[in-house]
């Protein structure tokens, strides 16, 4: 994967996310505004770019804002940011360490099929649907599915439903998330912009509210 895509994926992405939550009657359909600078900067503005309700992910930390005011800060390794692009901008040893800390057993590698395509499965033997695992398309060498534990009784499954060729690699444009086999959230990414320079203040919690990527 690194040999094929390292340094070739889009370094920056900006897009509008249509979010659907079938189990949340109050917020069934939402629009989020998102910006990414790989490997470790990510911002989500919820429903509006002017109301100050947002989350910033930076350097393994997450910052949550409400009405422009910082509400809390926590450690957050953000495995999806790593798996869906960040790993292509990190050293191999760093990637291995991060995946191990996230609970993926790199001693296991098996093969399977997913949506009629051959895949590698990192982290689990064939038939094992319980351990944390990463499914990778054998031909395209891109992540198409993950299974991980949210807690003792909750299993989160992420599926990549659609992707778009961008830069010299891929950008995923539609994801689905399932908890214990039940659809929890779908995300569709629209108005995709890639490869642009993003003002560092966009991802700086100390400068939140001073600038936004979407003009």
N, C-alpha and C. Protein backbone atom coordinates (compact mmCIF):
# COMPACT_ATOMS: atom_id res chain seq x y z
N UNK A 1 0.82 -1.20 0.00
CA UNK A 1 0.00 0.00 0.00
C UNK A 1 0.86 1.26 0.00
N UNK A 2 1.89 1.25 0.87
CA UNK A 2 2.78 2.41 0.93
C UNK A 2 3.56 2.57 -0.37
N UNK A 3 4.03 1.44 -0.92
CA UNK A 3 4.79 1.51 -2.16
C UNK A 3 3.95 2.11 -3.29
N UNK A 4 2.67 1.81 -3.29
CA UNK A 4 1.80 2.27 -4.37
C UNK A 4 1.32 3.70 -4.18
N UNK A 5 1.06 4.09 -2.92
CA UNK A 5 0.36 5.36 -2.71
C UNK A 5 1.08 6.39 -1.85
N UNK A 6 2.16 6.03 -1.16
CA UNK A 6 2.80 6.98 -0.25
C UNK A 6 3.18 8.28 -0.97
N UNK A 7 2.70 9.40 -0.44
CA UNK A 7 2.98 10.69 -1.03
C UNK A 7 2.20 11.00 -2.28
N UNK A 8 1.32 10.08 -2.71
CA UNK A 8 0.57 10.27 -3.95
C UNK A 8 -0.90 10.58 -3.70
N UNK A 9 -1.39 10.23 -2.53
CA UNK A 9 -2.76 10.58 -2.18
C UNK A 9 -2.87 12.10 -2.01
N UNK A 10 -4.07 12.62 -2.07
CA UNK A 10 -4.26 14.05 -1.86
C UNK A 10 -3.88 14.42 -0.44
N UNK A 11 -3.04 15.42 -0.30
CA UNK A 11 -2.60 15.88 1.02
C UNK A 11 -3.71 16.61 1.75
N UNK A 12 -4.52 17.36 1.01
CA UNK A 12 -5.61 18.12 1.62
C UNK A 12 -6.92 17.83 0.90
N UNK A 13 -8.01 17.88 1.66
CA UNK A 13 -9.36 17.67 1.13
C UNK A 13 -10.33 18.61 1.85
N UNK A 14 -11.26 19.16 1.10
CA UNK A 14 -12.37 19.92 1.67
C UNK A 14 -13.65 19.45 0.98
N UNK A 15 -14.73 19.32 1.75
CA UNK A 15 -15.95 18.82 1.16
C UNK A 15 -17.14 19.09 2.08
N UNK A 16 -18.32 18.93 1.53
CA UNK A 16 -19.57 19.01 2.27
C UNK A 16 -20.08 17.60 2.49
N UNK A 17 -20.42 17.29 3.72
CA UNK A 17 -20.88 15.93 4.04
C UNK A 17 -22.37 15.93 4.35
N UNK A 18 -23.13 15.16 3.59
CA UNK A 18 -24.53 14.91 3.91
C UNK A 18 -24.59 13.69 4.82
N UNK A 19 -25.09 13.87 6.01
CA UNK A 19 -25.08 12.83 7.04
C UNK A 19 -26.50 12.36 7.31
N UNK A 20 -26.68 11.05 7.28
CA UNK A 20 -27.99 10.45 7.51
C UNK A 20 -27.90 9.49 8.69
N UNK A 21 -28.77 9.71 9.68
CA UNK A 21 -28.83 8.85 10.85
C UNK A 21 -30.25 8.30 10.98
N UNK A 22 -30.48 7.07 10.55
CA UNK A 22 -31.84 6.53 10.54
C UNK A 22 -32.45 6.35 11.93
N UNK A 23 -31.62 6.31 12.97
CA UNK A 23 -32.13 6.07 14.32
C UNK A 23 -32.26 7.34 15.14
N UNK A 24 -32.03 8.50 14.52
CA UNK A 24 -32.10 9.78 15.23
C UNK A 24 -33.16 10.64 14.57
N UNK A 25 -34.35 10.65 15.12
CA UNK A 25 -35.47 11.37 14.49
C UNK A 25 -35.28 12.88 14.53
N UNK A 26 -34.49 13.39 15.48
CA UNK A 26 -34.29 14.83 15.58
C UNK A 26 -33.27 15.33 14.57
N UNK A 27 -32.28 14.52 14.26
CA UNK A 27 -31.21 14.93 13.35
C UNK A 27 -31.00 13.87 12.28
N UNK A 28 -32.09 13.48 11.61
CA UNK A 28 -31.99 12.39 10.64
C UNK A 28 -31.10 12.77 9.46
N UNK A 29 -31.28 13.99 8.95
CA UNK A 29 -30.48 14.46 7.83
C UNK A 29 -29.74 15.73 8.25
N UNK A 30 -28.43 15.73 8.08
CA UNK A 30 -27.62 16.87 8.48
C UNK A 30 -26.58 17.17 7.41
N UNK A 31 -26.08 18.40 7.42
CA UNK A 31 -25.00 18.81 6.52
C UNK A 31 -23.83 19.27 7.36
N UNK A 32 -22.68 18.64 7.13
CA UNK A 32 -21.46 19.00 7.83
C UNK A 32 -20.44 19.52 6.82
N UNK A 33 -19.57 20.42 7.28
CA UNK A 33 -18.54 21.01 6.43
C UNK A 33 -17.17 20.58 6.98
N UNK A 34 -16.37 19.93 6.13
CA UNK A 34 -15.19 19.25 6.63
C UNK A 34 -13.94 19.60 5.84
N UNK A 35 -12.83 19.62 6.55
CA UNK A 35 -11.52 19.87 5.94
C UNK A 35 -10.51 18.93 6.56
N UNK A 36 -9.60 18.40 5.73
CA UNK A 36 -8.58 17.46 6.18
C UNK A 36 -7.23 17.89 5.61
N UNK A 37 -6.23 17.81 6.47
CA UNK A 37 -4.85 17.90 6.02
C UNK A 37 -4.11 16.71 6.62
N UNK A 38 -3.83 15.72 5.79
CA UNK A 38 -3.18 14.51 6.27
C UNK A 38 -1.73 14.79 6.66
N UNK A 39 -1.22 14.12 7.72
CA UNK A 39 -1.83 12.91 8.30
C UNK A 39 -2.73 13.11 9.50
N UNK A 40 -2.78 14.31 10.12
CA UNK A 40 -3.40 14.37 11.44
C UNK A 40 -4.22 15.61 11.74
N UNK A 41 -4.69 16.31 10.72
CA UNK A 41 -5.51 17.49 10.95
C UNK A 41 -6.87 17.30 10.28
N UNK A 42 -7.92 17.55 11.06
CA UNK A 42 -9.28 17.27 10.57
C UNK A 42 -10.25 18.20 11.30
N UNK A 43 -11.16 18.80 10.55
CA UNK A 43 -12.14 19.72 11.15
C UNK A 43 -13.53 19.42 10.61
N UNK A 44 -14.50 19.43 11.50
CA UNK A 44 -15.91 19.27 11.14
C UNK A 44 -16.70 20.43 11.71
N UNK A 45 -17.41 21.16 10.87
CA UNK A 45 -18.37 22.17 11.32
C UNK A 45 -19.76 21.59 11.13
N UNK A 46 -20.54 21.55 12.19
CA UNK A 46 -21.83 20.88 12.17
C UNK A 46 -22.95 21.83 11.75
N UNK A 47 -23.52 21.55 10.57
CA UNK A 47 -24.73 22.20 10.07
C UNK A 47 -24.57 23.66 9.66
N UNK A 48 -23.53 24.34 10.10
CA UNK A 48 -23.31 25.73 9.75
C UNK A 48 -21.84 26.07 9.94
N UNK A 49 -21.33 26.99 9.13
CA UNK A 49 -19.94 27.41 9.32
C UNK A 49 -19.86 28.67 10.17
N UNK A 50 -20.99 29.21 10.58
CA UNK A 50 -20.99 30.48 11.31
C UNK A 50 -21.42 30.38 12.77
N UNK A 51 -21.99 29.23 13.18
CA UNK A 51 -22.51 29.12 14.54
C UNK A 51 -21.49 28.62 15.56
N UNK A 52 -20.33 28.19 15.09
CA UNK A 52 -19.27 27.83 16.01
C UNK A 52 -19.41 26.48 16.66
N UNK A 53 -20.21 25.58 16.06
CA UNK A 53 -20.34 24.22 16.58
C UNK A 53 -19.46 23.31 15.73
N UNK A 54 -18.37 22.84 16.32
CA UNK A 54 -17.38 22.14 15.51
C UNK A 54 -16.53 21.20 16.36
N UNK A 55 -15.80 20.34 15.67
CA UNK A 55 -14.80 19.47 16.29
C UNK A 55 -13.51 19.58 15.50
N UNK A 56 -12.41 19.71 16.21
CA UNK A 56 -11.09 19.72 15.60
C UNK A 56 -10.30 18.50 16.08
N UNK A 57 -9.64 17.85 15.15
CA UNK A 57 -8.75 16.73 15.49
C UNK A 57 -7.36 17.12 15.02
N UNK A 58 -6.41 17.04 15.95
CA UNK A 58 -5.06 17.50 15.64
C UNK A 58 -4.06 16.81 16.57
N UNK A 59 -3.05 16.19 15.97
CA UNK A 59 -1.98 15.59 16.76
C UNK A 59 -2.50 14.66 17.86
N UNK A 60 -3.41 13.75 17.50
CA UNK A 60 -3.96 12.75 18.44
C UNK A 60 -4.82 13.36 19.54
N UNK A 61 -5.30 14.57 19.35
CA UNK A 61 -6.19 15.21 20.31
C UNK A 61 -7.45 15.70 19.59
N UNK A 62 -8.55 15.76 20.33
CA UNK A 62 -9.81 16.25 19.78
C UNK A 62 -10.28 17.43 20.62
N UNK A 63 -10.77 18.47 19.95
CA UNK A 63 -11.27 19.68 20.61
C UNK A 63 -12.71 19.90 20.15
N UNK A 64 -13.63 20.04 21.10
CA UNK A 64 -15.05 20.23 20.75
C UNK A 64 -15.49 21.65 21.12
N UNK A 65 -16.09 22.33 20.13
CA UNK A 65 -16.56 23.70 20.33
C UNK A 65 -18.07 23.76 20.21
N UNK A 66 -18.66 24.61 21.02
CA UNK A 66 -20.09 24.90 20.92
C UNK A 66 -20.27 26.41 21.01
N UNK A 67 -20.94 26.97 20.00
CA UNK A 67 -21.13 28.42 19.90
C UNK A 67 -19.81 29.17 20.02
N UNK A 68 -18.77 28.57 19.44
CA UNK A 68 -17.47 29.22 19.41
C UNK A 68 -16.63 29.07 20.65
N UNK A 69 -17.14 28.37 21.66
CA UNK A 69 -16.44 28.23 22.93
C UNK A 69 -15.97 26.79 23.10
N UNK A 70 -14.72 26.62 23.48
CA UNK A 70 -14.16 25.29 23.69
C UNK A 70 -14.86 24.61 24.86
N UNK A 71 -15.41 23.42 24.61
CA UNK A 71 -16.14 22.68 25.63
C UNK A 71 -15.28 21.62 26.31
N UNK A 72 -14.48 20.91 25.55
CA UNK A 72 -13.61 19.89 26.14
C UNK A 72 -12.52 19.49 25.17
N UNK A 73 -11.49 18.88 25.73
CA UNK A 73 -10.36 18.36 24.97
C UNK A 73 -10.10 16.93 25.44
N UNK A 74 -9.82 16.05 24.51
CA UNK A 74 -9.57 14.65 24.88
C UNK A 74 -8.57 14.03 23.92
N UNK A 75 -7.98 12.93 24.35
CA UNK A 75 -7.12 12.15 23.47
C UNK A 75 -7.98 11.41 22.47
N UNK A 76 -7.60 11.44 21.20
CA UNK A 76 -8.36 10.75 20.15
C UNK A 76 -7.40 10.39 19.02
N UNK A 77 -7.12 9.09 18.87
CA UNK A 77 -6.18 8.63 17.83
C UNK A 77 -6.79 8.67 16.44
N UNK A 78 -8.13 8.70 16.35
CA UNK A 78 -8.86 8.81 15.08
C UNK A 78 -8.36 7.79 14.05
N UNK A 79 -8.73 6.53 14.28
CA UNK A 79 -8.25 5.46 13.41
C UNK A 79 -8.70 5.61 11.97
N UNK A 80 -9.91 6.17 11.73
CA UNK A 80 -10.35 6.33 10.35
C UNK A 80 -9.52 7.36 9.59
N UNK A 81 -9.10 8.43 10.27
CA UNK A 81 -8.24 9.42 9.63
C UNK A 81 -6.92 8.77 9.22
N UNK A 82 -6.45 7.85 10.03
CA UNK A 82 -5.23 7.11 9.71
C UNK A 82 -5.45 6.17 8.54
N UNK A 83 -6.51 5.36 8.61
CA UNK A 83 -6.72 4.30 7.62
C UNK A 83 -7.16 4.82 6.26
N UNK A 84 -7.88 5.92 6.23
CA UNK A 84 -8.42 6.42 4.97
C UNK A 84 -7.57 7.50 4.32
N UNK A 85 -6.34 7.64 4.80
CA UNK A 85 -5.45 8.59 4.13
C UNK A 85 -4.20 8.96 4.90
N UNK A 86 -4.31 9.07 6.22
CA UNK A 86 -3.18 9.52 7.02
C UNK A 86 -1.97 8.62 6.95
N UNK A 87 -2.19 7.33 6.80
CA UNK A 87 -1.06 6.38 6.80
C UNK A 87 -0.11 6.62 5.64
N UNK A 88 -0.59 7.21 4.55
CA UNK A 88 0.26 7.43 3.38
C UNK A 88 1.22 8.60 3.56
N UNK A 89 1.11 9.27 4.70
CA UNK A 89 1.99 10.40 5.00
C UNK A 89 2.74 10.18 6.31
N UNK A 90 2.87 8.90 6.70
CA UNK A 90 3.61 8.53 7.90
C UNK A 90 4.65 7.47 7.56
N UNK A 91 5.63 7.32 8.43
CA UNK A 91 6.63 6.28 8.28
C UNK A 91 6.03 4.92 8.65
N UNK A 92 6.55 3.85 8.03
CA UNK A 92 6.00 2.52 8.25
C UNK A 92 6.01 2.13 9.73
N UNK A 93 7.10 2.41 10.43
CA UNK A 93 7.19 2.03 11.83
C UNK A 93 6.13 2.75 12.66
N UNK A 94 5.86 4.00 12.34
CA UNK A 94 4.84 4.77 13.04
C UNK A 94 3.45 4.18 12.78
N UNK A 95 3.19 3.77 11.55
CA UNK A 95 1.90 3.17 11.20
C UNK A 95 1.68 1.88 11.97
N UNK A 96 2.71 1.03 11.99
CA UNK A 96 2.61 -0.25 12.70
C UNK A 96 2.31 -0.02 14.18
N UNK A 97 3.00 0.92 14.79
CA UNK A 97 2.78 1.22 16.21
C UNK A 97 1.36 1.70 16.45
N UNK A 98 0.87 2.60 15.60
CA UNK A 98 -0.47 3.15 15.78
C UNK A 98 -1.54 2.07 15.59
N UNK A 99 -1.39 1.22 14.59
CA UNK A 99 -2.39 0.18 14.38
C UNK A 99 -2.41 -0.81 15.55
N UNK A 100 -1.25 -1.11 16.08
CA UNK A 100 -1.18 -2.02 17.23
C UNK A 100 -1.87 -1.40 18.44
N UNK A 101 -1.66 -0.12 18.68
CA UNK A 101 -2.30 0.56 19.81
C UNK A 101 -3.81 0.64 19.63
N UNK A 102 -4.27 0.64 18.39
CA UNK A 102 -5.70 0.69 18.11
C UNK A 102 -6.35 -0.70 18.18
N UNK A 103 -5.55 -1.71 18.47
CA UNK A 103 -6.12 -3.04 18.69
C UNK A 103 -6.13 -3.95 17.49
N UNK A 104 -5.38 -3.61 16.45
CA UNK A 104 -5.28 -4.48 15.28
C UNK A 104 -4.07 -5.40 15.45
N UNK A 105 -4.31 -6.70 15.44
CA UNK A 105 -3.25 -7.68 15.60
C UNK A 105 -2.59 -7.92 14.24
N UNK A 106 -1.43 -7.35 14.05
CA UNK A 106 -0.77 -7.40 12.75
C UNK A 106 -0.12 -8.75 12.47
N UNK A 107 -0.21 -9.68 13.43
CA UNK A 107 0.30 -11.02 13.21
C UNK A 107 -0.63 -11.83 12.31
N UNK A 108 -1.88 -11.38 12.19
CA UNK A 108 -2.87 -12.10 11.39
C UNK A 108 -3.02 -11.46 10.02
N UNK A 109 -2.97 -12.28 8.98
CA UNK A 109 -3.28 -11.84 7.62
C UNK A 109 -3.99 -12.99 6.92
N UNK A 110 -5.21 -12.73 6.45
CA UNK A 110 -5.96 -13.76 5.74
C UNK A 110 -6.53 -13.17 4.46
N UNK A 111 -7.24 -14.00 3.70
CA UNK A 111 -7.85 -13.55 2.46
C UNK A 111 -9.33 -13.89 2.47
N UNK A 112 -10.11 -13.07 1.78
CA UNK A 112 -11.55 -13.25 1.74
C UNK A 112 -12.08 -12.58 0.48
N UNK A 113 -13.38 -12.46 0.37
CA UNK A 113 -14.00 -11.70 -0.70
C UNK A 113 -14.96 -10.69 -0.09
N UNK A 114 -15.09 -9.56 -0.76
CA UNK A 114 -15.99 -8.50 -0.30
C UNK A 114 -16.61 -7.86 -1.53
N UNK A 115 -17.93 -7.95 -1.60
CA UNK A 115 -18.65 -7.41 -2.75
C UNK A 115 -18.08 -7.94 -4.07
N UNK A 116 -17.86 -9.25 -4.07
CA UNK A 116 -17.39 -10.01 -5.24
C UNK A 116 -15.97 -9.66 -5.66
N UNK A 117 -15.21 -9.05 -4.76
CA UNK A 117 -13.81 -8.74 -5.04
C UNK A 117 -12.92 -9.38 -3.98
N UNK A 118 -11.74 -9.78 -4.40
CA UNK A 118 -10.79 -10.41 -3.47
C UNK A 118 -10.19 -9.35 -2.55
N UNK A 119 -10.04 -9.71 -1.28
CA UNK A 119 -9.49 -8.78 -0.30
C UNK A 119 -8.48 -9.48 0.59
N UNK A 120 -7.55 -8.67 1.14
CA UNK A 120 -6.73 -9.09 2.26
C UNK A 120 -7.44 -8.64 3.53
N UNK A 121 -7.28 -9.41 4.60
CA UNK A 121 -7.84 -9.03 5.90
C UNK A 121 -6.71 -9.00 6.91
N UNK A 122 -6.41 -7.83 7.43
CA UNK A 122 -5.39 -7.66 8.46
C UNK A 122 -6.06 -7.70 9.83
N UNK A 123 -5.56 -8.58 10.71
CA UNK A 123 -6.04 -8.59 12.08
C UNK A 123 -6.94 -9.74 12.45
N UNK A 124 -7.29 -10.59 11.49
CA UNK A 124 -8.21 -11.69 11.79
C UNK A 124 -8.03 -12.83 10.81
N UNK A 125 -8.27 -14.04 11.31
CA UNK A 125 -8.29 -15.21 10.44
C UNK A 125 -9.60 -15.24 9.67
N UNK A 126 -9.66 -16.00 8.58
CA UNK A 126 -10.87 -16.08 7.79
C UNK A 126 -12.01 -16.64 8.63
N UNK A 127 -13.16 -15.98 8.56
CA UNK A 127 -14.32 -16.40 9.34
C UNK A 127 -14.46 -15.69 10.67
N UNK A 128 -13.41 -15.02 11.11
CA UNK A 128 -13.44 -14.28 12.37
C UNK A 128 -14.04 -12.90 12.12
N UNK A 129 -15.18 -12.61 12.71
CA UNK A 129 -15.82 -11.30 12.55
C UNK A 129 -15.84 -10.51 13.85
N UNK A 130 -15.07 -10.95 14.84
CA UNK A 130 -15.10 -10.32 16.15
C UNK A 130 -13.86 -9.45 16.43
N UNK A 131 -12.68 -9.93 16.03
CA UNK A 131 -11.47 -9.16 16.30
C UNK A 131 -11.38 -7.94 15.39
N UNK A 132 -10.69 -6.90 15.86
CA UNK A 132 -10.47 -5.72 15.04
C UNK A 132 -9.77 -6.11 13.75
N UNK A 133 -10.26 -5.60 12.63
CA UNK A 133 -9.69 -6.02 11.35
C UNK A 133 -9.88 -4.96 10.27
N UNK A 134 -8.98 -5.00 9.29
CA UNK A 134 -8.97 -4.06 8.18
C UNK A 134 -9.05 -4.86 6.89
N UNK A 135 -10.03 -4.57 6.05
CA UNK A 135 -10.21 -5.27 4.78
C UNK A 135 -9.67 -4.37 3.66
N UNK A 136 -8.80 -4.96 2.83
CA UNK A 136 -8.10 -4.19 1.80
C UNK A 136 -8.31 -4.86 0.44
N UNK A 137 -8.81 -4.11 -0.52
CA UNK A 137 -8.99 -4.62 -1.87
C UNK A 137 -7.65 -5.06 -2.45
N UNK A 138 -7.55 -6.31 -2.92
CA UNK A 138 -6.28 -6.85 -3.37
C UNK A 138 -5.76 -6.17 -4.63
N UNK A 139 -6.67 -5.74 -5.49
CA UNK A 139 -6.23 -5.11 -6.74
C UNK A 139 -5.86 -3.65 -6.53
N UNK A 140 -6.76 -2.90 -5.90
CA UNK A 140 -6.53 -1.46 -5.73
C UNK A 140 -5.68 -1.13 -4.51
N UNK A 141 -5.52 -2.10 -3.59
CA UNK A 141 -4.76 -1.90 -2.35
C UNK A 141 -5.27 -0.69 -1.56
N UNK A 142 -6.58 -0.63 -1.38
CA UNK A 142 -7.20 0.42 -0.58
C UNK A 142 -8.17 -0.19 0.41
N UNK A 143 -8.32 0.50 1.53
CA UNK A 143 -9.21 0.01 2.59
C UNK A 143 -10.66 0.09 2.11
N UNK A 144 -11.40 -1.01 2.28
CA UNK A 144 -12.81 -1.04 1.88
C UNK A 144 -13.75 -1.37 3.04
N UNK A 145 -13.18 -1.82 4.17
CA UNK A 145 -14.03 -2.19 5.29
C UNK A 145 -13.16 -2.29 6.55
N UNK A 146 -13.73 -1.91 7.69
CA UNK A 146 -13.06 -2.13 8.97
C UNK A 146 -14.08 -2.65 9.97
N UNK A 147 -13.60 -3.42 10.94
CA UNK A 147 -14.41 -3.89 12.06
C UNK A 147 -13.62 -3.61 13.32
N UNK A 148 -14.23 -2.93 14.29
CA UNK A 148 -13.53 -2.60 15.52
C UNK A 148 -14.52 -2.57 16.68
N UNK A 149 -13.97 -2.59 17.89
CA UNK A 149 -14.80 -2.61 19.10
C UNK A 149 -14.92 -1.21 19.69
N UNK A 150 -16.16 -0.76 19.89
CA UNK A 150 -16.40 0.48 20.62
C UNK A 150 -16.40 0.23 22.11
N UNK A 151 -16.75 -0.97 22.50
CA UNK A 151 -16.82 -1.37 23.90
C UNK A 151 -17.03 -2.86 23.96
N UNK A 152 -17.19 -3.42 25.16
CA UNK A 152 -17.33 -4.88 25.31
C UNK A 152 -18.49 -5.46 24.51
N UNK A 153 -19.56 -4.67 24.33
CA UNK A 153 -20.77 -5.18 23.69
C UNK A 153 -21.10 -4.48 22.38
N UNK A 154 -20.21 -3.61 21.90
CA UNK A 154 -20.50 -2.85 20.69
C UNK A 154 -19.41 -3.07 19.65
N UNK A 155 -19.83 -3.50 18.47
CA UNK A 155 -18.90 -3.70 17.35
C UNK A 155 -19.27 -2.71 16.25
N UNK A 156 -18.29 -1.91 15.85
CA UNK A 156 -18.48 -0.91 14.80
C UNK A 156 -17.92 -1.44 13.49
N UNK A 157 -18.72 -1.40 12.45
CA UNK A 157 -18.27 -1.77 11.11
C UNK A 157 -18.36 -0.57 10.19
N UNK A 158 -17.29 -0.27 9.49
CA UNK A 158 -17.27 0.79 8.51
C UNK A 158 -17.15 0.18 7.12
N UNK A 159 -17.97 0.63 6.20
CA UNK A 159 -17.92 0.15 4.82
C UNK A 159 -17.70 1.33 3.88
N UNK A 160 -16.76 1.18 2.96
CA UNK A 160 -16.55 2.18 1.91
C UNK A 160 -17.47 1.81 0.75
N UNK A 161 -18.46 2.64 0.49
CA UNK A 161 -19.45 2.34 -0.55
C UNK A 161 -19.08 2.93 -1.91
N UNK A 162 -18.42 4.07 -1.91
CA UNK A 162 -18.04 4.71 -3.18
C UNK A 162 -16.70 5.42 -3.00
N UNK A 163 -15.92 5.43 -4.07
CA UNK A 163 -14.63 6.15 -4.07
C UNK A 163 -14.46 6.85 -5.41
N UNK A 164 -13.59 7.86 -5.39
CA UNK A 164 -13.32 8.65 -6.58
C UNK A 164 -11.81 8.73 -6.77
N UNK A 165 -11.35 8.55 -8.00
CA UNK A 165 -9.93 8.70 -8.27
C UNK A 165 -9.55 10.17 -8.19
N UNK A 166 -8.61 10.48 -7.31
CA UNK A 166 -8.16 11.86 -7.12
C UNK A 166 -6.65 11.86 -6.96
N UNK A 167 -6.00 12.97 -7.35
CA UNK A 167 -4.54 13.07 -7.30
C UNK A 167 -3.98 11.82 -7.98
N UNK A 168 -3.15 11.04 -7.27
CA UNK A 168 -2.65 9.78 -7.85
C UNK A 168 -3.14 8.59 -7.03
N UNK A 169 -4.31 8.75 -6.43
CA UNK A 169 -4.87 7.68 -5.61
C UNK A 169 -6.38 7.75 -5.60
N UNK A 170 -6.96 7.56 -4.41
CA UNK A 170 -8.41 7.52 -4.26
C UNK A 170 -8.84 8.41 -3.11
N UNK A 171 -10.06 8.92 -3.21
CA UNK A 171 -10.73 9.57 -2.09
C UNK A 171 -12.09 8.91 -1.92
N UNK A 172 -12.39 8.46 -0.73
CA UNK A 172 -13.69 7.83 -0.47
C UNK A 172 -14.76 8.89 -0.40
N UNK A 173 -15.89 8.65 -1.08
CA UNK A 173 -16.94 9.66 -1.16
C UNK A 173 -18.26 9.22 -0.54
N UNK A 174 -18.34 7.97 -0.10
CA UNK A 174 -19.55 7.50 0.57
C UNK A 174 -19.17 6.38 1.55
N UNK A 175 -19.52 6.56 2.81
CA UNK A 175 -19.24 5.58 3.86
C UNK A 175 -20.53 5.21 4.58
N UNK A 176 -20.57 3.98 5.08
CA UNK A 176 -21.68 3.53 5.93
C UNK A 176 -21.10 2.95 7.21
N UNK A 177 -21.77 3.20 8.33
CA UNK A 177 -21.32 2.71 9.63
C UNK A 177 -22.44 1.89 10.27
N UNK A 178 -22.07 0.73 10.76
CA UNK A 178 -23.02 -0.18 11.39
C UNK A 178 -22.55 -0.48 12.82
N UNK A 179 -23.48 -0.50 13.75
CA UNK A 179 -23.18 -0.91 15.12
C UNK A 179 -23.96 -2.19 15.40
N UNK A 180 -23.20 -3.24 15.72
CA UNK A 180 -23.78 -4.56 15.95
C UNK A 180 -24.68 -5.00 14.79
N UNK A 181 -24.23 -4.69 13.58
CA UNK A 181 -24.93 -5.13 12.38
C UNK A 181 -26.08 -4.25 11.93
N UNK A 182 -26.37 -3.18 12.66
CA UNK A 182 -27.49 -2.30 12.33
C UNK A 182 -26.96 -0.96 11.84
N UNK A 183 -27.50 -0.48 10.70
CA UNK A 183 -27.05 0.79 10.14
C UNK A 183 -27.21 1.91 11.15
N UNK A 184 -26.12 2.63 11.43
CA UNK A 184 -26.15 3.74 12.38
C UNK A 184 -25.99 5.09 11.68
N UNK A 185 -25.14 5.15 10.64
CA UNK A 185 -24.90 6.43 9.97
C UNK A 185 -24.38 6.21 8.56
N UNK A 186 -24.85 7.05 7.63
CA UNK A 186 -24.33 7.07 6.27
C UNK A 186 -23.81 8.47 5.98
N UNK A 187 -22.69 8.52 5.25
CA UNK A 187 -22.08 9.80 4.93
C UNK A 187 -21.81 9.88 3.43
N UNK A 188 -22.27 10.96 2.81
CA UNK A 188 -22.02 11.21 1.39
C UNK A 188 -21.22 12.49 1.28
N UNK A 189 -20.07 12.46 0.59
CA UNK A 189 -19.20 13.62 0.50
C UNK A 189 -19.36 14.27 -0.87
N UNK A 190 -19.70 15.56 -0.85
CA UNK A 190 -19.98 16.30 -2.07
C UNK A 190 -19.08 17.54 -2.16
N UNK A 191 -19.09 18.17 -3.33
CA UNK A 191 -18.32 19.41 -3.57
C UNK A 191 -16.86 19.23 -3.18
N UNK A 192 -16.29 18.12 -3.57
CA UNK A 192 -14.93 17.77 -3.16
C UNK A 192 -13.90 18.69 -3.81
N UNK A 193 -13.01 19.22 -2.97
CA UNK A 193 -11.86 19.98 -3.42
C UNK A 193 -10.62 19.27 -2.89
N UNK A 194 -9.58 19.20 -3.69
CA UNK A 194 -8.38 18.47 -3.25
C UNK A 194 -7.12 19.20 -3.65
N UNK A 195 -6.09 19.00 -2.82
CA UNK A 195 -4.77 19.52 -3.14
C UNK A 195 -4.57 21.00 -2.92
N UNK A 196 -5.53 21.68 -2.29
CA UNK A 196 -5.39 23.12 -2.08
C UNK A 196 -4.62 23.41 -0.79
N UNK A 197 -4.12 24.61 -0.65
CA UNK A 197 -3.47 25.04 0.58
C UNK A 197 -4.55 25.51 1.55
N UNK A 198 -4.50 25.00 2.78
CA UNK A 198 -5.47 25.39 3.80
C UNK A 198 -4.76 26.22 4.86
N UNK A 199 -5.33 27.35 5.20
CA UNK A 199 -4.76 28.22 6.24
C UNK A 199 -4.56 27.43 7.52
N UNK A 200 -3.37 27.44 8.13
CA UNK A 200 -3.13 26.68 9.37
C UNK A 200 -4.10 27.03 10.49
N UNK A 201 -4.66 28.23 10.48
CA UNK A 201 -5.60 28.64 11.53
C UNK A 201 -6.88 27.81 11.52
N UNK A 202 -7.21 27.21 10.38
CA UNK A 202 -8.41 26.38 10.28
C UNK A 202 -8.36 25.23 11.27
N UNK A 203 -7.15 24.71 11.52
CA UNK A 203 -7.00 23.55 12.40
C UNK A 203 -6.41 23.91 13.77
N UNK A 204 -6.30 25.19 14.07
CA UNK A 204 -5.68 25.63 15.32
C UNK A 204 -6.76 25.97 16.34
N UNK A 205 -6.90 25.18 17.43
CA UNK A 205 -7.96 25.46 18.41
C UNK A 205 -7.81 26.83 19.07
N UNK A 206 -6.59 27.35 19.15
CA UNK A 206 -6.38 28.66 19.77
C UNK A 206 -6.83 29.79 18.87
N UNK A 207 -7.01 29.49 17.59
CA UNK A 207 -7.43 30.52 16.63
C UNK A 207 -8.80 30.20 16.04
N UNK A 208 -9.55 29.35 16.76
CA UNK A 208 -10.87 28.94 16.25
C UNK A 208 -11.77 30.17 16.10
N UNK A 209 -12.46 30.22 14.96
CA UNK A 209 -13.38 31.31 14.69
C UNK A 209 -12.78 32.46 13.93
N UNK A 210 -11.46 32.44 13.71
CA UNK A 210 -10.83 33.56 12.99
C UNK A 210 -10.83 33.38 11.49
N UNK A 211 -10.91 32.14 11.04
CA UNK A 211 -10.88 31.88 9.60
C UNK A 211 -11.57 30.53 9.33
N UNK A 212 -12.10 30.39 8.13
CA UNK A 212 -12.72 29.14 7.73
C UNK A 212 -12.31 28.83 6.31
N UNK A 213 -12.19 27.52 6.00
CA UNK A 213 -11.77 27.13 4.66
C UNK A 213 -12.82 27.42 3.61
N UNK A 214 -14.11 27.39 4.02
CA UNK A 214 -15.20 27.61 3.05
C UNK A 214 -15.55 29.09 3.05
N UNK A 215 -15.29 29.75 1.95
CA UNK A 215 -15.52 31.18 1.87
C UNK A 215 -17.00 31.51 1.66
